[in-house]
Amino acid sequence: MGHKLCKAFLKGAWLLRPPVSELVMPWDLNLVLQAITSLPFEPAATCKLKLLSWKTAFLVAITLARRVSELQALSIKPPYLIFHKDRVSLRLNPSFLPKVSSTFNLHQSIELPVFFPQLLRQGGVQISSIGCP
């Protein structure tokens, strides 16, 4: 009888407070931002293309806060990537089917504005001095 009670108690305790496992390791955004504004990511003029690509992909991903599948559907082909004077326009590849496939989600344009428009008006600034690609 005692064995059954002990087993029932342990099962109840397990159901009341199941173990929690973290699916993703915790990370510190400030630490990551600090890391990408120093060597080997800066200065941008001497940074390897691979590291500059990682930095750009991270900054776009963290800024957009979109699903990974949507980030993968971004295209650099001419009709889907347009550089303007004060922003960059991105569109999803039309063959991509988003999780929520409404007209809005299928044809939405993603706009990435310049970080410092006042510096752009003053004739620009060396990109590596502001820590962004």
Protein backbone atom coordinates (compact mmCIF):
# COMPACT_ATOMS: atom_id res chain seq x y z
CA MET A 1 0.00 0.00 0.00
CA GLY A 2 2.82 2.44 0.90
CA HIS A 3 4.48 1.90 -2.48
CA LYS A 4 1.31 2.90 -4.37
CA LEU A 5 0.88 6.04 -2.23
CA CYS A 6 4.49 7.04 -2.80
CA LYS A 7 4.08 6.51 -6.55
CA ALA A 8 0.84 8.54 -6.60
CA PHE A 9 2.47 11.35 -4.60
CA LEU A 10 5.45 11.55 -6.97
CA LYS A 11 3.17 11.53 -10.02
CA GLY A 12 1.05 14.33 -8.49
CA ALA A 13 4.16 16.37 -7.67
CA TRP A 14 5.37 15.89 -11.25
CA LEU A 15 2.03 17.08 -12.65
CA LEU A 16 1.85 20.09 -10.31
CA ARG A 17 5.38 21.28 -11.01
CA PRO A 18 6.79 19.67 -14.15
CA PRO A 19 10.45 20.37 -14.86
CA VAL A 20 10.97 23.41 -17.08
CA SER A 21 13.60 23.18 -19.75
CA GLU A 22 14.70 26.23 -21.69
CA LEU A 23 14.52 25.65 -25.42
CA VAL A 24 16.85 28.53 -26.21
CA MET A 25 19.84 29.58 -24.18
CA PRO A 26 19.42 33.05 -22.66
CA TRP A 27 21.47 35.80 -24.26
CA ASP A 28 22.14 39.46 -23.64
CA LEU A 29 21.31 41.86 -26.49
CA ASN A 30 23.57 44.59 -25.07
CA LEU A 31 26.50 42.17 -25.02
CA VAL A 32 25.88 41.15 -28.64
CA LEU A 33 25.53 44.78 -29.80
CA GLN A 34 28.72 45.68 -27.97
CA ALA A 35 30.53 42.76 -29.65
CA ILE A 36 29.47 43.72 -33.18
CA THR A 37 30.69 47.29 -32.72
CA SER A 38 34.25 46.16 -32.03
CA LEU A 39 36.88 43.92 -33.62
CA PRO A 40 36.57 41.82 -35.79
CA PHE A 41 33.32 43.47 -36.99
CA GLU A 42 34.68 47.02 -36.93
CA PRO A 43 35.98 48.98 -38.71
CA ALA A 44 33.68 47.94 -41.57
CA ALA A 45 36.27 48.87 -44.21
CA THR A 46 38.63 46.12 -42.99
CA CYS A 47 36.01 43.60 -41.88
CA LYS A 48 35.82 40.30 -43.78
CA LEU A 49 32.75 40.01 -45.99
CA LYS A 50 31.54 36.92 -44.10
CA LEU A 51 31.54 38.77 -40.74
CA LEU A 52 29.96 41.87 -42.26
CA SER A 53 27.23 39.65 -43.74
CA TRP A 54 26.59 38.05 -40.33
CA LYS A 55 26.40 41.46 -38.71
CA THR A 56 24.01 42.80 -41.34
CA ALA A 57 21.79 39.70 -41.15
CA PHE A 58 21.67 39.95 -37.35
CA LEU A 59 20.80 43.66 -37.38
CA VAL A 60 18.07 43.15 -39.99
CA ALA A 61 16.64 40.17 -38.09
CA ILE A 62 16.64 41.90 -34.70
CA THR A 63 15.15 45.07 -36.21
CA LEU A 64 12.35 43.35 -38.13
CA ALA A 65 11.39 40.81 -35.45
CA ARG A 66 9.91 38.51 -38.11
CA ARG A 67 9.61 34.76 -38.41
CA VAL A 68 12.74 32.97 -39.61
CA SER A 69 10.86 31.73 -42.68
CA GLU A 70 10.04 35.33 -43.64
CA LEU A 71 13.68 36.36 -43.25
CA GLN A 72 14.71 33.46 -45.48
CA ALA A 73 12.18 34.58 -48.11
CA LEU A 74 13.80 38.01 -48.49
CA SER A 75 15.48 38.34 -51.86
CA ILE A 76 18.29 40.55 -53.14
CA LYS A 77 17.09 40.31 -56.74
CA PRO A 78 16.25 43.70 -58.33
CA PRO A 79 12.46 43.78 -58.08
CA TYR A 80 12.56 42.75 -54.39
CA LEU A 81 15.42 44.92 -53.11
CA ILE A 82 15.34 48.64 -53.84
CA PHE A 83 17.82 51.19 -52.53
CA HIS A 84 16.37 54.67 -52.00
CA LYS A 85 18.22 57.76 -50.83
CA ASP A 86 16.80 57.54 -47.29
CA ARG A 87 15.78 53.85 -46.94
CA VAL A 88 15.95 50.33 -48.33
CA SER A 89 12.78 48.53 -49.43
CA LEU A 90 12.60 44.75 -49.15
CA ARG A 91 9.89 42.44 -50.45
CA LEU A 92 9.32 38.74 -49.94
CA ASN A 93 9.96 36.35 -52.80
CA PRO A 94 6.50 35.76 -54.39
CA SER A 95 6.99 31.98 -54.30
CA PHE A 96 7.07 32.14 -50.48
CA LEU A 97 3.86 31.26 -48.66
CA PRO A 98 3.79 32.88 -45.19
CA LYS A 99 2.20 31.24 -42.16
CA VAL A 100 -0.63 33.78 -42.33
CA SER A 101 -1.31 34.07 -46.05
CA SER A 102 -3.42 37.20 -46.29
CA THR A 103 -3.06 39.73 -49.10
CA PHE A 104 -1.46 42.11 -46.62
CA ASN A 105 1.24 39.59 -45.60
CA LEU A 106 1.92 38.46 -49.16
CA HIS A 107 2.49 41.95 -50.59
CA GLN A 108 3.84 43.83 -47.59
CA SER A 109 6.93 45.91 -48.20
CA ILE A 110 9.59 46.10 -45.47
CA GLU A 111 11.17 49.52 -45.12
CA LEU A 112 14.55 49.94 -43.43
CA PRO A 113 15.18 53.67 -42.86
CA VAL A 114 18.61 55.20 -42.41
CA PHE A 115 19.74 55.33 -38.79
CA PHE A 116 20.92 58.93 -38.79
CA PRO A 117 19.06 61.01 -41.40
CA GLN A 118 20.58 64.27 -40.11
CA LEU A 119 24.08 62.94 -40.91
CA LEU A 120 22.90 61.95 -44.38
CA ARG A 121 21.74 65.54 -44.99
CA GLN A 122 25.10 66.89 -43.78
CA GLY A 123 27.02 64.92 -46.38
CA GLY A 124 27.37 61.56 -44.67
CA VAL A 125 29.56 59.98 -42.07
CA GLN A 126 32.02 57.15 -42.10
CA ILE A 127 29.81 54.07 -41.60
CA SER A 128 32.23 52.29 -39.29
CA SER A 129 32.11 55.19 -36.83
CA ILE A 130 28.43 54.54 -36.03
CA GLY A 131 28.72 50.75 -35.73
CA CYS A 132 26.29 49.74 -38.49
CA PRO A 133 26.88 48.22 -41.89
